[in-house]
Amino acid sequence: MGGTASVVTKVSTPLPEPGPPRVVLIEDAAHHPDADRIRTVLQKYFDAINAGDYALWRSVVIPQWARDTSEAAWHAQYRSTLDGTMVVHRLEPRAGGGLVALISFTSLQNPADAPPELPVRCLRWWVSYPLIGEGEALRLAPSAPTANLTAAC
């Protein structure tokens, strides 16, 4: 008796991935004297978003931003977000002290949770995050929304 073999081929279109979840500093940013602390605070920020960890997020942002963003509002904002390919391209002095980190990253989210002007699943972001304080007290401040650039992946 002869048997027949059947081959099942699964064909699917993969969803875009956000890329590695690790913050990388390149170019001159990698040589900054506080590069390790900057990478650490940014890593915790993105880890918090990816894990839905509001307490971790609060620990790395300036107190006013934390006070102005309730846990419910924060979870609503990031409920479907997954960030990756975070790259710090440049660090610049900030007027009034601190630095501004010029960062690009990719985010995946439910299109309903994306910015209303670009309701897509995958976004490429270019953002300037102020970094305020020194040493262990280094914290992120919100970026100016008008300074952020986005494009569909």
N, C-alpha and C. Protein backbone atom coordinates (compact mmCIF):
# COMPACT_ATOMS: atom_id res chain seq x y z
N MET A 1 0.82 -1.18 0.00
CA MET A 1 0.00 0.00 0.00
C MET A 1 0.86 1.23 0.00
N GLY A 2 0.60 2.07 -0.87
CA GLY A 2 1.36 3.31 -0.92
C GLY A 2 0.64 4.42 -0.19
N GLY A 3 1.37 5.25 0.44
CA GLY A 3 0.78 6.38 1.15
C GLY A 3 1.07 7.66 0.40
N THR A 4 0.30 8.62 0.70
CA THR A 4 0.55 9.93 0.11
C THR A 4 0.90 10.90 1.22
N ALA A 5 1.82 11.71 0.95
CA ALA A 5 2.21 12.73 1.92
C ALA A 5 1.60 14.04 1.51
N SER A 6 1.08 14.72 2.47
CA SER A 6 0.56 16.05 2.14
C SER A 6 1.45 17.08 2.81
N VAL A 7 1.68 18.12 2.12
CA VAL A 7 2.50 19.21 2.64
C VAL A 7 1.61 20.41 2.83
N VAL A 8 1.65 20.92 4.02
CA VAL A 8 0.87 22.11 4.31
C VAL A 8 1.85 23.27 4.37
N THR A 9 1.62 24.23 3.58
CA THR A 9 2.46 25.42 3.57
C THR A 9 1.68 26.56 4.16
N LYS A 10 2.26 27.14 5.20
CA LYS A 10 1.61 28.28 5.83
C LYS A 10 2.17 29.55 5.21
N VAL A 11 1.31 30.30 4.63
CA VAL A 11 1.71 31.56 4.03
C VAL A 11 1.02 32.66 4.81
N SER A 12 1.81 33.56 5.32
CA SER A 12 1.22 34.68 6.04
C SER A 12 2.06 35.91 5.80
N THR A 13 1.43 37.01 5.99
CA THR A 13 2.13 38.28 5.89
C THR A 13 2.43 38.74 7.31
N PRO A 14 3.71 38.77 7.68
CA PRO A 14 4.02 39.16 9.05
C PRO A 14 3.71 40.63 9.30
N LEU A 15 3.31 40.89 10.51
CA LEU A 15 3.10 42.28 10.91
C LEU A 15 4.45 42.94 11.11
N PRO A 16 4.54 44.22 10.88
CA PRO A 16 5.82 44.88 11.11
C PRO A 16 6.20 44.79 12.58
N GLU A 17 7.45 44.63 12.83
CA GLU A 17 7.94 44.54 14.20
C GLU A 17 8.52 45.90 14.60
N PRO A 18 8.45 46.24 15.89
CA PRO A 18 9.05 47.51 16.27
C PRO A 18 10.57 47.44 16.35
N GLY A 19 11.14 46.26 16.34
CA GLY A 19 12.59 46.12 16.44
C GLY A 19 13.01 45.85 17.87
N PRO A 20 14.32 45.78 18.11
CA PRO A 20 14.83 45.45 19.43
C PRO A 20 14.36 46.46 20.48
N PRO A 21 14.08 46.00 21.71
CA PRO A 21 13.58 46.90 22.74
C PRO A 21 14.69 47.62 23.52
N ARG A 22 15.89 47.64 23.00
CA ARG A 22 17.04 48.21 23.71
C ARG A 22 17.38 49.60 23.16
N VAL A 23 17.60 50.55 24.06
CA VAL A 23 18.01 51.90 23.67
C VAL A 23 19.49 51.87 23.30
N VAL A 24 19.80 52.47 22.16
CA VAL A 24 21.18 52.53 21.67
C VAL A 24 21.54 53.99 21.46
N LEU A 25 22.72 54.37 21.91
CA LEU A 25 23.25 55.71 21.64
C LEU A 25 24.28 55.59 20.54
N ILE A 26 24.17 56.44 19.53
CA ILE A 26 25.12 56.39 18.42
C ILE A 26 25.82 57.74 18.26
N GLU A 27 26.80 57.74 17.39
CA GLU A 27 27.53 58.94 17.03
C GLU A 27 28.06 59.63 18.29
N ASP A 28 27.98 60.93 18.35
CA ASP A 28 28.53 61.68 19.48
C ASP A 28 27.81 61.38 20.79
N ALA A 29 26.54 61.01 20.74
CA ALA A 29 25.77 60.72 21.95
C ALA A 29 26.43 59.60 22.75
N ALA A 30 27.00 58.62 22.08
CA ALA A 30 27.63 57.49 22.76
C ALA A 30 28.88 57.91 23.52
N HIS A 31 29.47 59.05 23.17
CA HIS A 31 30.70 59.51 23.82
C HIS A 31 30.43 60.55 24.91
N HIS A 32 29.18 60.87 25.15
CA HIS A 32 28.85 61.85 26.18
C HIS A 32 29.25 61.30 27.55
N PRO A 33 29.76 62.14 28.45
CA PRO A 33 30.18 61.65 29.77
C PRO A 33 29.06 60.96 30.57
N ASP A 34 27.82 61.34 30.35
CA ASP A 34 26.69 60.73 31.06
C ASP A 34 25.94 59.72 30.20
N ALA A 35 26.59 59.19 29.18
CA ALA A 35 25.92 58.30 28.23
C ALA A 35 25.24 57.12 28.92
N ASP A 36 25.91 56.50 29.88
CA ASP A 36 25.32 55.33 30.54
C ASP A 36 24.07 55.70 31.33
N ARG A 37 24.12 56.81 32.06
CA ARG A 37 22.93 57.23 32.83
C ARG A 37 21.79 57.64 31.90
N ILE A 38 22.12 58.29 30.80
CA ILE A 38 21.10 58.71 29.83
C ILE A 38 20.44 57.47 29.22
N ARG A 39 21.25 56.50 28.81
CA ARG A 39 20.70 55.27 28.26
C ARG A 39 19.82 54.56 29.29
N THR A 40 20.25 54.54 30.54
CA THR A 40 19.49 53.86 31.59
C THR A 40 18.13 54.51 31.80
N VAL A 41 18.07 55.82 31.89
CA VAL A 41 16.78 56.48 32.13
C VAL A 41 15.86 56.31 30.92
N LEU A 42 16.40 56.41 29.73
CA LEU A 42 15.58 56.21 28.53
C LEU A 42 15.12 54.76 28.41
N GLN A 43 15.99 53.82 28.77
CA GLN A 43 15.61 52.41 28.72
C GLN A 43 14.45 52.14 29.67
N LYS A 44 14.53 52.68 30.89
CA LYS A 44 13.44 52.49 31.85
C LYS A 44 12.14 53.11 31.34
N TYR A 45 12.24 54.26 30.69
CA TYR A 45 11.06 54.93 30.13
C TYR A 45 10.37 54.02 29.11
N PHE A 46 11.15 53.50 28.15
CA PHE A 46 10.56 52.64 27.13
C PHE A 46 10.15 51.28 27.69
N ASP A 47 10.92 50.74 28.65
CA ASP A 47 10.52 49.49 29.30
C ASP A 47 9.17 49.66 29.99
N ALA A 48 8.97 50.80 30.63
CA ALA A 48 7.70 51.06 31.33
C ALA A 48 6.54 51.05 30.35
N ILE A 49 6.72 51.71 29.21
CA ILE A 49 5.66 51.75 28.20
C ILE A 49 5.39 50.34 27.67
N ASN A 50 6.45 49.60 27.34
CA ASN A 50 6.28 48.26 26.78
C ASN A 50 5.64 47.29 27.77
N ALA A 51 5.90 47.47 29.06
CA ALA A 51 5.37 46.56 30.08
C ALA A 51 4.07 47.06 30.70
N GLY A 52 3.65 48.27 30.33
CA GLY A 52 2.44 48.84 30.95
C GLY A 52 2.66 49.12 32.43
N ASP A 53 3.89 49.54 32.78
CA ASP A 53 4.28 49.73 34.18
C ASP A 53 4.29 51.23 34.52
N TYR A 54 3.15 51.71 34.99
CA TYR A 54 3.00 53.13 35.32
C TYR A 54 3.97 53.57 36.41
N ALA A 55 4.17 52.76 37.44
CA ALA A 55 5.07 53.12 38.54
C ALA A 55 6.50 53.31 38.02
N LEU A 56 6.96 52.44 37.14
CA LEU A 56 8.30 52.60 36.56
C LEU A 56 8.35 53.87 35.74
N TRP A 57 7.34 54.14 34.95
CA TRP A 57 7.30 55.36 34.14
C TRP A 57 7.40 56.60 35.04
N ARG A 58 6.61 56.62 36.11
CA ARG A 58 6.64 57.76 37.05
C ARG A 58 8.02 57.98 37.64
N SER A 59 8.78 56.90 37.80
CA SER A 59 10.10 57.00 38.44
C SER A 59 11.15 57.65 37.55
N VAL A 60 10.87 57.80 36.26
CA VAL A 60 11.88 58.35 35.35
C VAL A 60 11.46 59.65 34.67
N VAL A 61 10.26 60.14 34.98
CA VAL A 61 9.82 61.41 34.40
C VAL A 61 9.82 62.49 35.49
N ILE A 62 9.84 63.75 35.06
CA ILE A 62 9.84 64.83 36.04
C ILE A 62 8.55 64.78 36.86
N PRO A 63 8.61 65.21 38.12
CA PRO A 63 7.44 65.12 38.99
C PRO A 63 6.19 65.80 38.43
N GLN A 64 6.33 66.95 37.78
CA GLN A 64 5.15 67.63 37.25
C GLN A 64 4.45 66.78 36.19
N TRP A 65 5.21 66.14 35.31
CA TRP A 65 4.63 65.29 34.27
C TRP A 65 3.90 64.11 34.92
N ALA A 66 4.51 63.55 35.96
CA ALA A 66 3.88 62.43 36.67
C ALA A 66 2.58 62.88 37.33
N ARG A 67 2.59 64.07 37.95
CA ARG A 67 1.38 64.60 38.60
C ARG A 67 0.29 64.90 37.58
N ASP A 68 0.68 65.39 36.42
CA ASP A 68 -0.28 65.79 35.39
C ASP A 68 -0.86 64.61 34.61
N THR A 69 -0.30 63.41 34.79
CA THR A 69 -0.74 62.24 34.03
C THR A 69 -1.22 61.17 35.01
N SER A 70 -2.52 61.03 35.11
CA SER A 70 -3.07 60.01 36.01
C SER A 70 -2.75 58.62 35.48
N GLU A 71 -2.81 57.64 36.36
CA GLU A 71 -2.55 56.27 35.94
C GLU A 71 -3.56 55.82 34.88
N ALA A 72 -4.82 56.18 35.05
CA ALA A 72 -5.85 55.80 34.07
C ALA A 72 -5.57 56.44 32.71
N ALA A 73 -5.20 57.72 32.70
CA ALA A 73 -4.90 58.40 31.44
C ALA A 73 -3.67 57.80 30.78
N TRP A 74 -2.66 57.48 31.59
CA TRP A 74 -1.42 56.89 31.06
C TRP A 74 -1.72 55.54 30.41
N HIS A 75 -2.47 54.69 31.12
CA HIS A 75 -2.80 53.37 30.56
C HIS A 75 -3.64 53.51 29.29
N ALA A 76 -4.54 54.48 29.25
CA ALA A 76 -5.34 54.70 28.04
C ALA A 76 -4.44 55.13 26.88
N GLN A 77 -3.44 55.96 27.16
CA GLN A 77 -2.55 56.46 26.12
C GLN A 77 -1.65 55.35 25.54
N TYR A 78 -1.18 54.46 26.41
CA TYR A 78 -0.20 53.46 25.98
C TYR A 78 -0.75 52.03 25.97
N ARG A 79 -2.06 51.85 26.05
CA ARG A 79 -2.65 50.51 26.24
C ARG A 79 -2.25 49.50 25.18
N SER A 80 -2.00 49.93 23.97
CA SER A 80 -1.64 48.96 22.92
C SER A 80 -0.26 49.23 22.33
N THR A 81 0.53 50.08 22.97
CA THR A 81 1.82 50.49 22.41
C THR A 81 2.93 49.50 22.70
N LEU A 82 3.74 49.22 21.71
CA LEU A 82 4.96 48.45 21.85
C LEU A 82 6.03 49.19 21.06
N ASP A 83 7.08 49.64 21.77
CA ASP A 83 8.14 50.43 21.15
C ASP A 83 9.40 49.59 20.94
N GLY A 84 10.15 49.92 19.91
CA GLY A 84 11.42 49.26 19.63
C GLY A 84 12.30 50.15 18.78
N THR A 85 13.50 49.67 18.51
CA THR A 85 14.49 50.37 17.69
C THR A 85 14.69 51.81 18.18
N MET A 86 14.91 51.96 19.50
CA MET A 86 15.12 53.29 20.08
C MET A 86 16.59 53.69 19.89
N VAL A 87 16.80 54.79 19.17
CA VAL A 87 18.15 55.24 18.87
C VAL A 87 18.29 56.70 19.28
N VAL A 88 19.28 56.98 20.14
CA VAL A 88 19.60 58.36 20.51
C VAL A 88 20.65 58.82 19.52
N HIS A 89 20.27 59.78 18.68
CA HIS A 89 21.16 60.27 17.62
C HIS A 89 22.05 61.40 18.10
N ARG A 90 21.51 62.22 19.01
CA ARG A 90 22.26 63.40 19.43
C ARG A 90 21.81 63.83 20.81
N LEU A 91 22.72 64.43 21.55
CA LEU A 91 22.42 65.08 22.82
C LEU A 91 22.86 66.52 22.70
N GLU A 92 21.96 67.43 23.03
CA GLU A 92 22.26 68.85 22.93
C GLU A 92 22.01 69.53 24.26
N PRO A 93 22.77 70.58 24.56
CA PRO A 93 22.49 71.33 25.79
C PRO A 93 21.08 71.92 25.73
N ARG A 94 20.44 71.94 26.88
CA ARG A 94 19.08 72.49 26.98
C ARG A 94 19.14 73.85 27.65
N ALA A 95 18.42 74.83 27.11
CA ALA A 95 18.35 76.14 27.74
C ALA A 95 17.81 75.96 29.16
N GLY A 96 18.48 76.52 30.13
CA GLY A 96 18.04 76.37 31.51
C GLY A 96 18.66 75.15 32.20
N GLY A 97 19.52 74.42 31.50
CA GLY A 97 20.20 73.27 32.09
C GLY A 97 19.68 71.95 31.57
N GLY A 98 20.48 70.95 31.74
CA GLY A 98 20.12 69.62 31.26
C GLY A 98 20.44 69.45 29.79
N LEU A 99 19.83 68.46 29.21
CA LEU A 99 20.09 68.10 27.82
C LEU A 99 18.78 67.85 27.08
N VAL A 100 18.87 67.80 25.79
CA VAL A 100 17.76 67.34 24.95
C VAL A 100 18.30 66.14 24.18
N ALA A 101 17.58 65.01 24.29
CA ALA A 101 17.95 63.79 23.56
C ALA A 101 17.12 63.71 22.30
N LEU A 102 17.78 63.66 21.17
CA LEU A 102 17.11 63.53 19.88
C LEU A 102 17.05 62.04 19.55
N ILE A 103 15.84 61.49 19.56
CA ILE A 103 15.62 60.04 19.52
C ILE A 103 14.70 59.67 18.37
N SER A 104 14.99 58.52 17.77
CA SER A 104 14.03 57.92 16.84
C SER A 104 13.64 56.57 17.40
N PHE A 105 12.42 56.15 17.13
CA PHE A 105 11.96 54.83 17.54
C PHE A 105 10.76 54.42 16.70
N THR A 106 10.44 53.15 16.77
CA THR A 106 9.28 52.61 16.06
C THR A 106 8.27 52.16 17.09
N SER A 107 7.01 52.45 16.85
CA SER A 107 5.96 51.97 17.75
C SER A 107 4.89 51.24 16.96
N LEU A 108 4.42 50.17 17.57
CA LEU A 108 3.26 49.45 17.06
C LEU A 108 2.13 49.74 18.02
N GLN A 109 0.95 49.92 17.50
CA GLN A 109 -0.21 50.14 18.34
C GLN A 109 -1.46 49.86 17.54
N ASN A 110 -2.57 49.72 18.24
CA ASN A 110 -3.85 49.62 17.57
C ASN A 110 -4.04 50.95 16.83
N PRO A 111 -4.41 50.94 15.56
CA PRO A 111 -4.59 52.20 14.84
C PRO A 111 -5.52 53.18 15.56
N ALA A 112 -6.49 52.66 16.31
CA ALA A 112 -7.40 53.53 17.06
C ALA A 112 -6.67 54.29 18.16
N ASP A 113 -5.50 53.78 18.61
CA ASP A 113 -4.72 54.42 19.66
C ASP A 113 -3.60 55.30 19.11
N ALA A 114 -3.42 55.30 17.80
CA ALA A 114 -2.38 56.11 17.16
C ALA A 114 -2.82 57.57 17.13
N PRO A 115 -1.90 58.47 16.86
CA PRO A 115 -2.31 59.87 16.72
C PRO A 115 -3.43 60.00 15.68
N PRO A 116 -4.43 60.83 15.96
CA PRO A 116 -5.59 60.93 15.05
C PRO A 116 -5.21 61.31 13.62
N GLU A 117 -4.12 62.07 13.47
CA GLU A 117 -3.72 62.48 12.12
C GLU A 117 -3.03 61.36 11.35
N LEU A 118 -2.66 60.26 12.03
CA LEU A 118 -1.98 59.16 11.36
C LEU A 118 -2.39 57.83 12.03
N PRO A 119 -3.63 57.41 11.84
CA PRO A 119 -4.15 56.21 12.52
C PRO A 119 -3.70 54.91 11.86
N VAL A 120 -2.42 54.55 12.08
CA VAL A 120 -1.85 53.34 11.49
C VAL A 120 -1.28 52.45 12.58
N ARG A 121 -1.03 51.20 12.24
CA ARG A 121 -0.49 50.24 13.20
C ARG A 121 0.97 50.49 13.54
N CYS A 122 1.77 50.91 12.58
CA CYS A 122 3.21 51.07 12.79
C CYS A 122 3.62 52.51 12.47
N LEU A 123 4.27 53.13 13.43
CA LEU A 123 4.74 54.51 13.27
C LEU A 123 6.24 54.60 13.55
N ARG A 124 6.90 55.43 12.80
CA ARG A 124 8.29 55.78 13.05
C ARG A 124 8.26 57.18 13.64
N TRP A 125 8.87 57.35 14.80
CA TRP A 125 8.88 58.62 15.52
C TRP A 125 10.26 59.24 15.54
N TRP A 126 10.32 60.56 15.52
CA TRP A 126 11.52 61.35 15.79
C TRP A 126 11.10 62.36 16.84
N VAL A 127 11.69 62.25 18.03
CA VAL A 127 11.24 63.02 19.18
C VAL A 127 12.44 63.64 19.89
N SER A 128 12.24 64.83 20.45
CA SER A 128 13.25 65.49 21.28
C SER A 128 12.77 65.46 22.72
N TYR A 129 13.42 64.64 23.55
CA TYR A 129 13.05 64.54 24.97
C TYR A 129 14.01 65.35 25.81
N PRO A 130 13.50 66.32 26.57
CA PRO A 130 14.35 67.02 27.53
C PRO A 130 14.75 66.07 28.66
N LEU A 131 16.01 66.13 29.06
CA LEU A 131 16.53 65.38 30.19
C LEU A 131 16.96 66.41 31.23
N ILE A 132 16.34 66.35 32.40
CA ILE A 132 16.56 67.36 33.42
C ILE A 132 17.16 66.72 34.66
N GLY A 133 18.10 67.42 35.27
CA GLY A 133 18.75 66.92 36.48
C GLY A 133 20.11 66.36 36.14
N GLU A 134 20.73 65.77 37.16
CA GLU A 134 22.05 65.20 36.97
C GLU A 134 22.14 63.87 37.69
N GLY A 135 23.09 63.05 37.26
CA GLY A 135 23.34 61.79 37.95
C GLY A 135 22.10 60.93 38.06
N GLU A 136 21.89 60.37 39.25
CA GLU A 136 20.74 59.47 39.47
C GLU A 136 19.41 60.21 39.38
N ALA A 137 19.43 61.53 39.53
CA ALA A 137 18.19 62.31 39.50
C ALA A 137 17.77 62.69 38.08
N LEU A 138 18.47 62.21 37.08
CA LEU A 138 18.15 62.52 35.70
C LEU A 138 16.76 62.00 35.35
N ARG A 139 15.91 62.88 34.82
CA ARG A 139 14.53 62.51 34.48
C ARG A 139 14.13 63.11 33.15
N LEU A 140 13.14 62.48 32.52
CA LEU A 140 12.61 62.97 31.26
C LEU A 140 11.50 63.97 31.50
N ALA A 141 11.44 64.94 30.62
CA ALA A 141 10.31 65.89 30.57
C ALA A 141 9.58 65.62 29.26
N PRO A 142 8.32 66.02 29.19
CA PRO A 142 7.58 65.75 27.94
C PRO A 142 8.16 66.52 26.77
N SER A 143 8.08 65.91 25.61
CA SER A 143 8.52 66.59 24.40
C SER A 143 7.41 67.54 23.97
N ALA A 144 7.78 68.53 23.19
CA ALA A 144 6.78 69.43 22.64
C ALA A 144 6.13 68.73 21.45
N PRO A 145 4.82 68.46 21.51
CA PRO A 145 4.17 67.72 20.42
C PRO A 145 4.41 68.31 19.04
N THR A 146 4.55 69.62 18.96
CA THR A 146 4.76 70.25 17.66
C THR A 146 6.16 69.97 17.13
N ALA A 147 7.07 69.51 18.00
CA ALA A 147 8.43 69.21 17.56
C ALA A 147 8.61 67.74 17.17
N ASN A 148 7.59 66.91 17.40
CA ASN A 148 7.66 65.49 17.07
C ASN A 148 7.32 65.27 15.60
N LEU A 149 8.03 64.36 14.99
CA LEU A 149 7.73 63.98 13.61
C LEU A 149 7.32 62.51 13.61
N THR A 150 6.35 62.16 12.79
CA THR A 150 5.93 60.78 12.65
C THR A 150 5.74 60.44 11.20
N ALA A 151 5.93 59.17 10.90
CA ALA A 151 5.66 58.66 9.55
C ALA A 151 5.21 57.22 9.68
N ALA A 152 4.33 56.80 8.82
CA ALA A 152 3.91 55.41 8.81
C ALA A 152 5.09 54.53 8.40
N CYS A 153 5.19 53.36 9.00
CA CYS A 153 6.27 52.42 8.67
C CYS A 153 6.02 51.81 7.31
